[in-house]
Amino acid sequence: MIARLLFAATAVLTVAATPLSPAQRFGKLYHDVQMRRLFPDGKTFADAVPKRPDSRIVAAYRVCKCGTDATLRRFVLANFTLPEAPITRPQPCRSLTEHIDQLWSQLTRTTTTVPAGSSALTLPRRYVVPGGRFREMYYWDSWFSMLGLPTARRQDLVEDMVVDFGSLIDRYGHIPNGTRTYYLSRSQPPFFYLIAGMSRDAATLATLTRQLRAEHAYWMQGAATLVPGHESARVVRLPDGALLNRYWDDRADARDESYREDTELANTTPGRPRAELMRDLRAAAESGWDFSSRWLADGRSLATIRTTRLVPVDLNSLMVGMEQAIAANCRVLQDMPCATSFTARVEARTQAIRRHLWNGRFFADYDLDTGQPNAVATAAMTFPLFTGVATADQARATARAFAPFVGEGGVRTTLTASGQQWDDPNGWAPLQWIAIQGLRRYGEQALAARIRTAWLATVTREYDASGKLLEKYDVVERRPGGGGEYPNQDGFGWTNGVTRALLAEKPDSGR
């Protein structure tokens, strides 16, 4: 039996060829539709389904007299089926908990097959979408959404989503940002070890461990030959030999879903290499913090984005969590070489984070150009507490530095009001959860309790006012959040999951 488990845990994956994205397939047509803003949301055309083979559409466009927006729109409508706008279903007044529980069925999708030419990726089981314009399964969103499923007695949906995420690793060698072809060139913060840990099916341990090791290999690609002081894709080796990770994207062109915004930014930033700018925009999308002053050289202008020059504290903390999970699984599977190897990785990365991503007051991103951790604080500082990386002294100091982030409405993302959506005054469900659990882990119960109470008050206040749960909130004024490339979205997966999990806690439990 053990031999069979070991084989399943170490079998080599055959990774599918990466399909082209809509921008790559349709070239000038895609460019023209997006740059002429035929649709207010660039994601609309990225998600459109062609009605006939690409080659025939491209050939027809070459001879199309589509000089006006009206003629171009007629061409698009004749050749593509556009995604349907999300439907808002009024619900009878009910408690917040009841409302969240009835939303799971509304946000559940199945795409075992997709139309020919669709940018959507198939998945073998059911899954939960965030809501609004986000019609597909997203990576880091999903774990926070899934937090609310067990309390709603929906372990069946948890198991389905675990299988779905594993299937993406089996096919593509990693979990993409979302289940669209245009997301395949990047991933997102690696929460699969926690997603897999939600499964109650012990028989899947070997399979999940194999998939975790494949995901780890994706993030570490190029590490084996990397010399001190150099970087390669998602890995960096610091001058002292410490091996850490950064966010990246395998493409360096405009994002399909934000094609016009990226292109216009590049066109108005002539002093910067276009590919470098595009890569940094895409890398920020891989981080999930798209966009934030955290990534901006001047803290204000998107033209100064430099994501790939930073070694993020959240990413590397999650990598420790992944490596811990692999080591623990391998011990259960009696694969001691694996367990020993990953235990050593945990220790090395933990020491590197404590040394290089600690600025003496709190945890921060390491700047590859200055060779120092940043002095600017962000809510990412609580990730080393969440994964247990911090020393007791570092945790106490971080809690002190973090206190200004906590207001009447919850945790602010940064203390910088840049107008970007991952900045002050916006608060996001995932960062509330990470902070609460990280602070609790190190005995900072009072601050964790303040965050929990403040966040639930914000969500409840908006629900009582509008009957909605939103993607993000202004936690200073306790109202809907703003900023970003699209309007605030209703739904909303990770707000539902985090809020439901916090509501299910006993007030005196501390967890």
Protein backbone atom coordinates (compact mmCIF):
# COMPACT_ATOMS: atom_id res chain seq x y z
CA MET A 1 0.00 0.00 0.00
CA ILE A 2 2.78 2.44 0.98
CA ALA A 3 4.59 1.69 -2.29
CA ARG A 4 1.49 2.62 -4.26
CA LEU A 5 1.09 5.84 -2.26
CA LEU A 6 4.71 6.80 -2.84
CA PHE A 7 4.35 6.24 -6.57
CA ALA A 8 1.26 8.44 -6.64
CA ALA A 9 3.06 11.13 -4.67
CA THR A 10 6.11 11.28 -6.94
CA ALA A 11 4.74 10.49 -10.42
CA VAL A 12 5.90 12.94 -13.09
CA LEU A 13 3.20 15.19 -14.53
CA THR A 14 2.60 15.52 -18.23
CA VAL A 15 1.77 19.20 -18.62
CA ALA A 16 -0.57 20.27 -21.39
CA ALA A 17 0.50 22.87 -23.93
CA THR A 18 -0.67 26.33 -22.90
CA PRO A 19 -3.51 27.49 -25.16
CA LEU A 20 -3.33 30.94 -26.67
CA SER A 21 -5.27 33.80 -25.13
CA PRO A 22 -7.87 35.81 -27.10
CA ALA A 23 -5.40 38.68 -27.66
CA GLN A 24 -2.86 36.26 -29.09
CA ARG A 25 -5.47 34.56 -31.27
CA PHE A 26 -7.21 37.60 -32.74
CA GLY A 27 -4.36 40.12 -32.96
CA LYS A 28 -5.44 43.37 -34.61
CA LEU A 29 -9.14 42.66 -34.14
CA TYR A 30 -8.62 42.25 -30.40
CA HIS A 31 -6.48 45.39 -30.28
CA ASP A 32 -9.05 47.48 -32.13
CA VAL A 33 -12.02 46.30 -30.07
CA GLN A 34 -10.26 47.04 -26.80
CA MET A 35 -8.57 50.31 -27.77
CA ARG A 36 -11.78 51.73 -29.17
CA ARG A 37 -13.49 50.74 -25.92
CA LEU A 38 -16.30 48.97 -27.67
CA PHE A 39 -17.27 47.59 -24.26
CA PRO A 40 -16.74 49.52 -21.01
CA ASP A 41 -15.22 46.48 -19.30
CA GLY A 42 -12.25 44.96 -21.15
CA LYS A 43 -13.08 41.57 -19.69
CA THR A 44 -16.27 41.41 -21.79
CA PHE A 45 -14.50 40.74 -25.09
CA ALA A 46 -11.86 38.55 -23.38
CA ASP A 47 -14.71 36.27 -22.30
CA ALA A 48 -16.62 36.34 -25.60
CA VAL A 49 -17.03 33.05 -27.47
CA PRO A 50 -16.35 32.99 -31.27
CA LYS A 51 -19.19 31.71 -33.41
CA ARG A 52 -16.85 30.24 -36.05
CA PRO A 53 -13.17 29.26 -36.37
CA ASP A 54 -10.58 31.93 -35.54
CA SER A 55 -9.03 31.83 -39.00
CA ARG A 56 -12.32 32.68 -40.67
CA ILE A 57 -13.00 35.57 -38.28
CA VAL A 58 -9.49 36.97 -38.73
CA ALA A 59 -9.75 36.69 -42.52
CA ALA A 60 -13.14 38.40 -42.52
CA TYR A 61 -11.81 41.24 -40.39
CA ARG A 62 -8.99 41.91 -42.83
CA VAL A 63 -11.53 42.91 -45.47
CA CYS A 64 -14.08 44.43 -43.10
CA LYS A 65 -14.81 48.11 -43.51
CA CYS A 66 -15.02 48.58 -39.75
CA GLY A 67 -13.89 52.18 -39.53
CA THR A 68 -16.64 53.29 -37.16
CA ASP A 69 -17.51 51.93 -33.75
CA ALA A 70 -20.94 50.98 -35.04
CA THR A 71 -19.59 48.84 -37.88
CA LEU A 72 -16.99 47.25 -35.60
CA ARG A 73 -19.65 46.44 -33.06
CA ARG A 74 -21.83 44.82 -35.72
CA PHE A 75 -18.84 42.71 -36.80
CA VAL A 76 -18.18 41.59 -33.23
CA LEU A 77 -21.82 40.73 -32.56
CA ALA A 78 -22.00 38.77 -35.83
CA ASN A 79 -18.92 36.74 -34.95
CA PHE A 80 -18.96 36.42 -31.15
CA THR A 81 -21.38 35.58 -28.38
CA LEU A 82 -20.88 38.01 -25.52
CA PRO A 83 -21.05 36.91 -21.87
CA GLU A 84 -24.33 37.56 -20.15
CA ALA A 85 -24.46 40.27 -17.52
CA PRO A 86 -24.74 38.91 -13.97
CA ILE A 87 -28.29 38.68 -12.70
CA THR A 88 -29.13 40.10 -9.29
CA ARG A 89 -31.95 38.14 -7.69
CA PRO A 90 -33.80 40.05 -4.98
CA GLN A 91 -34.12 37.94 -1.85
CA PRO A 92 -36.55 38.18 1.04
CA CYS A 93 -35.12 39.84 4.14
CA ARG A 94 -33.11 37.35 6.18
CA SER A 95 -30.21 37.29 8.58
CA LEU A 96 -26.69 37.82 7.29
CA THR A 97 -25.79 34.18 7.96
CA GLU A 98 -28.88 32.93 6.12
CA HIS A 99 -28.16 35.26 3.23
CA ILE A 100 -24.59 34.00 2.84
CA ASP A 101 -25.69 30.37 2.98
CA GLN A 102 -28.25 30.84 0.21
CA LEU A 103 -25.64 32.62 -1.93
CA TRP A 104 -23.51 29.47 -2.27
CA SER A 105 -25.94 27.91 -4.72
CA GLN A 106 -26.17 31.17 -6.71
CA LEU A 107 -22.38 31.38 -7.00
CA THR A 108 -21.82 27.70 -7.84
CA ARG A 109 -20.91 26.84 -11.44
CA THR A 110 -20.09 23.76 -13.49
CA THR A 111 -17.95 23.85 -16.66
CA THR A 112 -17.10 20.27 -17.48
CA THR A 113 -17.32 21.36 -21.11
CA VAL A 114 -17.00 24.79 -22.73
CA PRO A 115 -17.94 26.02 -26.22
CA ALA A 116 -15.31 25.72 -28.94
CA GLY A 117 -13.03 28.74 -28.91
CA SER A 118 -14.01 29.87 -25.42
CA SER A 119 -11.31 31.35 -23.21
CA ALA A 120 -12.78 29.41 -20.27
CA LEU A 121 -10.95 26.35 -18.93
CA THR A 122 -12.88 23.21 -18.11
CA LEU A 123 -13.07 21.85 -14.57
CA PRO A 124 -14.21 18.36 -13.55
CA ARG A 125 -16.35 19.36 -10.57
CA ARG A 126 -18.48 22.20 -9.22
CA TYR A 127 -16.89 25.39 -7.93
CA VAL A 128 -17.76 28.78 -6.45
CA VAL A 129 -17.12 32.02 -8.36
CA PRO A 130 -16.54 35.37 -6.63
CA GLY A 131 -19.50 37.06 -8.35
CA GLY A 132 -20.16 40.05 -10.61
CA ARG A 133 -17.73 40.24 -13.56
CA PHE A 134 -15.73 37.34 -12.10
CA ARG A 135 -17.45 34.43 -13.83
CA GLU A 136 -14.74 31.82 -13.33
CA MET A 137 -12.87 30.17 -10.47
CA TYR A 138 -10.03 32.28 -9.05
CA TYR A 139 -7.06 30.99 -7.13
CA TRP A 140 -6.54 32.85 -3.86
CA ASP A 141 -10.13 34.10 -3.76
CA SER A 142 -11.31 30.53 -3.52
CA TRP A 143 -9.65 29.51 -0.27
CA PHE A 144 -11.21 32.46 1.54
CA SER A 145 -14.57 31.67 -0.05
CA MET A 146 -14.22 28.02 0.99
CA LEU A 147 -13.76 29.01 4.64
CA GLY A 148 -17.50 29.53 4.85
CA LEU A 149 -18.53 26.21 3.34
CA PRO A 150 -17.98 23.79 6.27
CA THR A 151 -20.02 25.96 8.62
CA ALA A 152 -22.81 25.88 6.02
CA ARG A 153 -22.51 22.05 5.88
CA ARG A 154 -21.17 22.17 2.34
CA GLN A 155 -18.14 19.88 2.65
CA ASP A 156 -19.27 18.32 -0.62
CA LEU A 157 -18.47 21.56 -2.43
CA VAL A 158 -15.12 21.81 -0.62
CA GLU A 159 -14.13 18.37 -1.91
CA ASP A 160 -15.21 19.29 -5.43
CA MET A 161 -13.07 22.42 -5.44
CA VAL A 162 -10.03 20.56 -4.08
CA VAL A 163 -10.31 18.22 -7.06
CA ASP A 164 -10.73 21.16 -9.44
CA PHE A 165 -7.56 22.87 -8.25
CA GLY A 166 -5.60 19.65 -8.41
CA SER A 167 -6.79 19.10 -11.96
CA LEU A 168 -5.33 22.45 -13.00
CA ILE A 169 -1.92 21.46 -11.64
CA ASP A 170 -2.17 18.12 -13.42
CA ARG A 171 -2.94 19.80 -16.74
CA TYR A 172 -0.88 22.97 -16.66
CA GLY A 173 1.77 22.42 -13.99
CA HIS A 174 0.40 25.20 -11.81
CA ILE A 175 -2.81 26.88 -10.70
CA PRO A 176 -3.49 29.92 -12.87
CA ASN A 177 -4.75 33.27 -11.61
CA GLY A 178 -8.20 32.19 -12.80
CA THR A 179 -9.73 29.59 -15.09
CA ARG A 180 -9.29 31.48 -18.36
CA THR A 181 -6.65 31.00 -21.02
CA TYR A 182 -5.50 34.58 -20.55
CA TYR A 183 -4.65 33.84 -16.91
CA LEU A 184 -2.40 30.85 -17.59
CA SER A 185 0.85 32.82 -17.74
CA ARG A 186 0.68 33.60 -14.03
CA SER A 187 -0.51 32.15 -10.76
CA GLN A 188 -1.59 33.86 -7.53
CA PRO A 189 -0.57 33.66 -3.85
CA PRO A 190 -0.06 29.90 -3.28
CA PHE A 191 -2.90 28.86 -1.00
CA PHE A 192 -3.33 25.36 -2.44
CA TYR A 193 -1.71 23.78 0.61
CA LEU A 194 -4.54 25.23 2.69
CA ILE A 195 -7.18 24.35 0.09
CA ALA A 196 -5.89 20.75 0.04
CA GLY A 197 -5.85 20.74 3.84
CA MET A 198 -9.62 21.30 3.87
CA SER A 199 -10.24 17.89 2.30
CA ARG A 200 -11.61 15.17 4.58
CA ASP A 201 -10.84 12.40 2.09
CA ALA A 202 -7.75 10.67 3.51
CA ALA A 203 -7.42 8.53 0.39
CA THR A 204 -6.36 11.58 -1.62
CA LEU A 205 -3.28 12.42 0.47
CA ALA A 206 -0.76 10.97 -1.98
CA THR A 207 -2.40 12.68 -4.95
CA LEU A 208 -2.58 16.03 -3.19
CA THR A 209 1.04 15.74 -2.08
CA ARG A 210 2.14 15.05 -5.64
CA GLN A 211 0.20 18.09 -6.80
CA LEU A 212 1.67 20.26 -4.04
CA ARG A 213 5.17 19.21 -5.03
CA ALA A 214 4.37 20.08 -8.64
CA GLU A 215 3.16 23.52 -7.61
CA HIS A 216 6.31 24.01 -5.53
CA ALA A 217 8.43 23.07 -8.54
CA TYR A 218 6.57 25.69 -10.61
CA TRP A 219 7.41 28.45 -8.15
CA MET A 220 11.02 27.24 -7.83
CA GLN A 221 11.76 26.75 -11.53
CA GLY A 222 15.31 27.90 -12.27
CA ALA A 223 16.48 27.78 -8.65
CA ALA A 224 18.91 24.90 -9.09
CA THR A 225 21.29 26.86 -11.32
CA LEU A 226 20.76 30.33 -9.84
CA VAL A 227 23.91 31.98 -8.51
CA PRO A 228 23.97 34.47 -5.61
CA GLY A 229 22.80 37.97 -6.51
CA HIS A 230 20.67 36.89 -9.47
CA GLU A 231 17.00 36.26 -10.27
CA SER A 232 15.17 33.95 -12.65
CA ALA A 233 11.40 34.20 -13.16
CA ARG A 234 9.84 33.61 -9.71
CA VAL A 235 13.04 32.80 -7.79
CA VAL A 236 15.75 35.05 -6.43
CA ARG A 237 19.02 34.16 -4.76
CA LEU A 238 20.28 36.92 -2.52
CA PRO A 239 24.00 37.73 -2.27
CA ASP A 240 24.37 35.56 0.84
CA GLY A 241 22.85 32.58 -1.00
CA ALA A 242 19.37 32.80 0.56
CA LEU A 243 16.73 31.47 -1.84
CA LEU A 244 13.40 33.31 -1.93
CA ASN A 245 10.54 34.02 -4.33
CA ARG A 246 8.95 36.97 -6.10
CA TYR A 247 5.85 37.53 -8.20
CA TRP A 248 6.21 37.24 -11.98
CA ASP A 249 4.31 36.57 -15.18
CA ASP A 250 5.56 34.50 -18.11
CA ARG A 251 4.23 37.10 -20.54
CA ALA A 252 5.32 40.73 -20.95
CA ASP A 253 2.50 42.25 -22.99
CA ALA A 254 -0.83 43.89 -22.17
CA ARG A 255 -3.21 41.81 -20.06
CA ASP A 256 -6.15 40.56 -22.12
CA GLU A 257 -8.67 41.61 -19.46
CA SER A 258 -7.12 45.11 -19.09
CA TYR A 259 -5.67 45.51 -22.56
CA ARG A 260 -6.60 49.14 -23.14
CA GLU A 261 -5.53 50.31 -19.68
CA ASP A 262 -2.13 48.61 -19.98
CA THR A 263 -1.55 49.81 -23.54
CA GLU A 264 -2.46 53.40 -22.76
CA LEU A 265 -0.18 53.40 -19.73
CA ALA A 266 2.71 52.08 -21.81
CA ASN A 267 2.01 54.65 -24.55
CA THR A 268 2.23 57.48 -22.02
CA THR A 269 5.38 56.15 -20.31
CA PRO A 270 7.95 56.60 -23.10
CA GLY A 271 11.05 56.52 -20.90
CA ARG A 272 10.53 52.95 -19.77
CA PRO A 273 10.97 49.65 -21.63
CA ARG A 274 7.49 48.49 -22.60
CA ALA A 275 8.05 44.83 -21.77
CA GLU A 276 9.41 45.70 -18.32
CA LEU A 277 6.36 47.81 -17.52
CA MET A 278 3.96 45.13 -18.75
CA ARG A 279 5.74 42.43 -16.77
CA ASP A 280 5.51 44.46 -13.57
CA LEU A 281 1.79 45.10 -14.13
CA ARG A 282 1.24 41.40 -14.70
CA ALA A 283 3.35 40.43 -11.68
CA ALA A 284 1.20 42.69 -9.52
CA ALA A 285 -1.84 40.82 -10.85
CA GLU A 286 -0.16 37.57 -9.75
CA SER A 287 0.23 39.06 -6.27
CA GLY A 288 -3.52 39.71 -6.06
CA TRP A 289 -2.75 43.28 -4.97
CA ASP A 290 -3.54 44.91 -8.30
CA PHE A 291 -2.84 47.66 -7.72
CA SER A 292 -1.18 49.15 -4.64
CA SER A 293 1.34 51.80 -3.64
CA ARG A 294 3.23 48.81 -2.30
CA TRP A 295 4.54 48.16 -5.82
CA LEU A 296 5.06 51.78 -6.92
CA ALA A 297 8.47 53.47 -6.76
CA ASP A 298 6.90 56.85 -6.01
CA GLY A 299 3.91 55.45 -4.09
CA ARG A 300 1.48 57.20 -6.45
CA SER A 301 1.93 56.60 -10.16
CA LEU A 302 1.27 53.26 -11.84
CA ALA A 303 3.96 54.16 -14.39
CA THR A 304 6.55 53.58 -11.63
CA ILE A 305 5.43 50.04 -10.84
CA ARG A 306 8.34 47.71 -10.02
CA THR A 307 6.75 44.54 -8.65
CA THR A 308 9.48 42.23 -9.90
CA ARG A 309 12.16 44.17 -8.01
CA LEU A 310 10.59 43.26 -4.67
CA VAL A 311 10.76 40.02 -2.69
CA PRO A 312 7.28 39.90 -1.11
CA VAL A 313 6.82 38.96 2.52
CA ASP A 314 3.37 37.42 1.95
CA LEU A 315 4.50 35.16 -0.89
CA ASN A 316 7.51 33.85 0.99
CA SER A 317 5.49 33.24 4.13
CA LEU A 318 3.02 31.18 2.10
CA MET A 319 5.92 29.27 0.54
CA VAL A 320 6.96 28.28 4.07
CA GLY A 321 3.41 27.06 4.67
CA MET A 322 3.51 25.02 1.47
CA GLU A 323 6.88 23.50 2.35
CA GLN A 324 5.67 22.67 5.87
CA ALA A 325 2.61 20.93 4.44
CA ILE A 326 4.66 18.88 1.97
CA ALA A 327 7.08 17.80 4.70
CA ALA A 328 4.21 16.77 6.99
CA ASN A 329 2.44 14.85 4.21
CA CYS A 330 5.62 13.06 3.23
CA ARG A 331 6.13 11.92 6.81
CA VAL A 332 2.64 10.40 6.80
CA LEU A 333 3.42 8.73 3.47
CA GLN A 334 6.71 7.44 4.93
CA ASP A 335 8.70 9.23 2.25
CA MET A 336 11.52 10.29 4.53
CA PRO A 337 13.86 11.74 1.86
CA CYS A 338 11.04 14.11 0.85
CA ALA A 339 10.21 14.96 4.47
CA THR A 340 13.87 15.67 5.27
CA SER A 341 14.38 17.78 2.16
CA PHE A 342 11.32 19.97 2.72
CA THR A 343 11.97 20.35 6.44
CA ALA A 344 15.38 21.78 5.52
CA ARG A 345 13.71 24.13 3.02
CA VAL A 346 11.34 25.35 5.74
CA GLU A 347 14.21 26.14 8.08
CA ALA A 348 16.28 27.89 5.41
CA ARG A 349 13.40 30.05 4.18
CA THR A 350 12.25 30.88 7.71
CA GLN A 351 15.72 32.13 8.62
CA ALA A 352 15.93 34.10 5.36
CA ILE A 353 12.59 35.82 6.05
CA ARG A 354 13.58 36.67 9.62
CA ARG A 355 16.89 38.09 8.41
CA HIS A 356 16.07 39.81 5.11
CA LEU A 357 12.36 40.69 5.31
CA TRP A 358 12.52 42.22 8.79
CA ASN A 359 13.37 45.92 9.02
CA GLY A 360 13.75 46.06 12.79
CA ARG A 361 10.15 47.13 13.42
CA PHE A 362 7.97 44.93 11.20
CA PHE A 363 8.09 42.51 8.28
CA ALA A 364 8.30 44.11 4.84
CA ASP A 365 9.16 43.35 1.22
CA TYR A 366 12.87 43.15 0.41
CA ASP A 367 14.05 45.57 -2.27
CA LEU A 368 16.42 43.89 -4.71
CA ASP A 369 17.86 47.23 -5.82
CA THR A 370 18.66 48.64 -2.38
CA GLY A 371 19.44 45.30 -0.75
CA GLN A 372 17.22 46.23 2.21
CA PRO A 373 13.69 45.57 3.44
CA ASN A 374 11.29 48.44 2.82
CA ALA A 375 10.54 51.00 5.49
CA VAL A 376 6.92 51.45 4.30
CA ALA A 377 4.40 49.33 6.19
CA THR A 378 1.58 47.33 4.57
CA ALA A 379 -0.95 44.82 5.86
CA ALA A 380 1.22 42.07 4.35
CA MET A 381 3.32 42.30 7.53
CA THR A 382 0.99 39.82 9.28
CA PHE A 383 1.65 36.92 6.90
CA PRO A 384 4.77 35.73 8.82
CA LEU A 385 2.55 35.54 11.91
CA PHE A 386 -0.11 33.62 9.98
CA THR A 387 2.37 30.92 8.92
CA GLY A 388 4.35 30.90 12.17
CA VAL A 389 7.55 32.33 10.70
CA ALA A 390 7.97 35.20 13.16
CA THR A 391 9.88 34.92 16.41
CA ALA A 392 7.95 35.89 19.55
CA ASP A 393 9.75 39.23 19.69
CA GLN A 394 9.10 39.92 16.01
CA ALA A 395 5.42 39.10 16.47
CA ARG A 396 5.07 41.52 19.38
CA ALA A 397 6.81 44.28 17.45
CA THR A 398 4.68 43.58 14.36
CA ALA A 399 1.49 43.80 16.42
CA ARG A 400 2.58 47.25 17.65
CA ALA A 401 3.39 48.41 14.12
CA PHE A 402 0.11 46.98 12.84
CA ALA A 403 -2.15 48.75 15.34
CA PRO A 404 -2.52 51.91 13.17
CA PHE A 405 -3.98 49.77 10.39
CA VAL A 406 -6.94 48.80 12.56
CA GLY A 407 -9.85 51.22 12.61
CA GLU A 408 -13.55 51.16 13.35
CA GLY A 409 -14.24 49.30 10.12
CA GLY A 410 -11.42 46.76 10.05
CA VAL A 411 -7.90 46.51 8.62
CA ARG A 412 -6.73 48.99 6.02
CA THR A 413 -4.50 47.57 3.29
CA THR A 414 -1.90 50.34 3.51
CA LEU A 415 -1.67 53.76 5.14
CA THR A 416 -1.27 55.44 1.72
CA ALA A 417 -4.29 56.96 -0.04
CA SER A 418 -3.16 56.60 -3.65
CA GLY A 419 -6.52 55.98 -5.31
CA GLN A 420 -5.52 52.38 -6.05
CA GLN A 421 -7.88 49.73 -4.74
CA TRP A 422 -5.28 47.93 -2.59
CA ASP A 423 -4.55 51.06 -0.59
CA ASP A 424 -6.07 53.16 2.17
CA PRO A 425 -8.99 53.35 2.93
CA ASN A 426 -9.96 49.98 1.47
CA GLY A 427 -10.15 46.81 3.51
CA TRP A 428 -10.38 43.33 2.01
CA ALA A 429 -11.72 40.13 3.53
CA PRO A 430 -8.57 38.03 3.01
CA LEU A 431 -6.36 40.49 4.87
CA GLN A 432 -8.78 40.59 7.80
CA TRP A 433 -8.60 36.80 8.10
CA ILE A 434 -4.81 36.62 7.79
CA ALA A 435 -4.35 39.32 10.42
CA ILE A 436 -6.84 37.82 12.85
CA GLN A 437 -5.40 34.32 12.64
CA GLY A 438 -1.79 35.52 12.69
CA LEU A 439 -2.30 37.70 15.75
CA ARG A 440 -4.16 34.93 17.56
CA ARG A 441 -1.35 32.51 16.83
CA TYR A 442 1.04 34.70 18.82
CA GLY A 443 -1.35 35.53 21.67
CA GLU A 444 -2.35 39.01 20.46
CA GLN A 445 -6.00 38.27 21.25
CA ALA A 446 -7.17 41.81 21.98
CA LEU A 447 -6.05 43.24 18.64
CA ALA A 448 -7.44 40.22 16.78
CA ALA A 449 -10.78 40.68 18.54
CA ARG A 450 -10.87 44.36 17.57
CA ILE A 451 -10.41 43.44 13.92
CA ARG A 452 -13.08 40.75 14.02
CA THR A 453 -15.63 43.04 15.66
CA ALA A 454 -14.85 45.95 13.33
CA TRP A 455 -15.01 43.87 10.15
CA LEU A 456 -18.29 42.20 11.03
CA ALA A 457 -19.77 45.59 11.88
CA THR A 458 -18.73 46.97 8.47
CA VAL A 459 -20.15 44.04 6.52
CA THR A 460 -23.35 43.99 8.57
CA ARG A 461 -23.87 47.73 8.18
CA GLU A 462 -23.64 47.53 4.38
CA TYR A 463 -25.82 44.41 4.26
CA ASP A 464 -28.51 46.14 6.33
CA ALA A 465 -28.32 49.16 3.99
CA SER A 466 -28.22 47.43 0.60
CA GLY A 467 -28.74 43.69 1.09
CA LYS A 468 -25.32 43.04 -0.50
CA LEU A 469 -21.91 41.68 0.35
CA LEU A 470 -19.17 43.47 -1.54
CA GLU A 471 -15.70 42.74 -2.87
CA LYS A 472 -14.08 45.45 -0.73
CA TYR A 473 -15.06 48.10 1.79
CA ASP A 474 -13.91 51.55 2.81
CA VAL A 475 -13.07 50.62 6.40
CA VAL A 476 -12.51 54.23 7.45
CA GLU A 477 -15.98 55.49 6.51
CA ARG A 478 -17.52 51.98 6.67
CA ARG A 479 -19.05 52.11 3.21
CA PRO A 480 -18.44 50.44 -0.20
CA GLY A 481 -14.80 50.56 -1.30
CA GLY A 482 -13.54 52.32 -4.40
CA GLY A 483 -10.61 52.68 -6.78
CA GLY A 484 -9.30 50.14 -9.24
CA GLU A 485 -9.94 49.28 -12.87
CA TYR A 486 -13.61 48.31 -12.47
CA PRO A 487 -16.58 49.11 -10.17
CA ASN A 488 -16.97 47.43 -6.78
CA GLN A 489 -18.43 43.97 -7.28
CA ASP A 490 -21.39 42.35 -5.53
CA GLY A 491 -21.38 38.69 -4.53
CA PHE A 492 -18.89 38.26 -3.12
CA GLY A 493 -17.01 35.02 -2.61
CA TRP A 494 -14.25 35.84 -0.17
CA THR A 495 -16.34 38.32 1.80
CA ASN A 496 -18.99 35.63 2.16
CA GLY A 497 -16.48 32.99 3.27
CA VAL A 498 -14.52 35.07 5.77
CA THR A 499 -17.63 36.68 7.24
CA ARG A 500 -19.43 33.34 7.55
CA ALA A 501 -16.45 31.73 9.27
CA LEU A 502 -16.10 34.62 11.72
CA LEU A 503 -19.82 34.64 12.46
CA ALA A 504 -19.66 30.93 13.27
CA GLU A 505 -17.07 31.45 16.01
CA LYS A 506 -18.05 31.45 19.64
CA PRO A 507 -17.44 34.97 21.00
CA ASP A 508 -15.12 33.71 23.75
CA SER A 509 -13.36 31.04 21.71
CA GLY A 510 -10.53 33.21 20.34
CA ARG A 511 -10.76 31.27 17.09
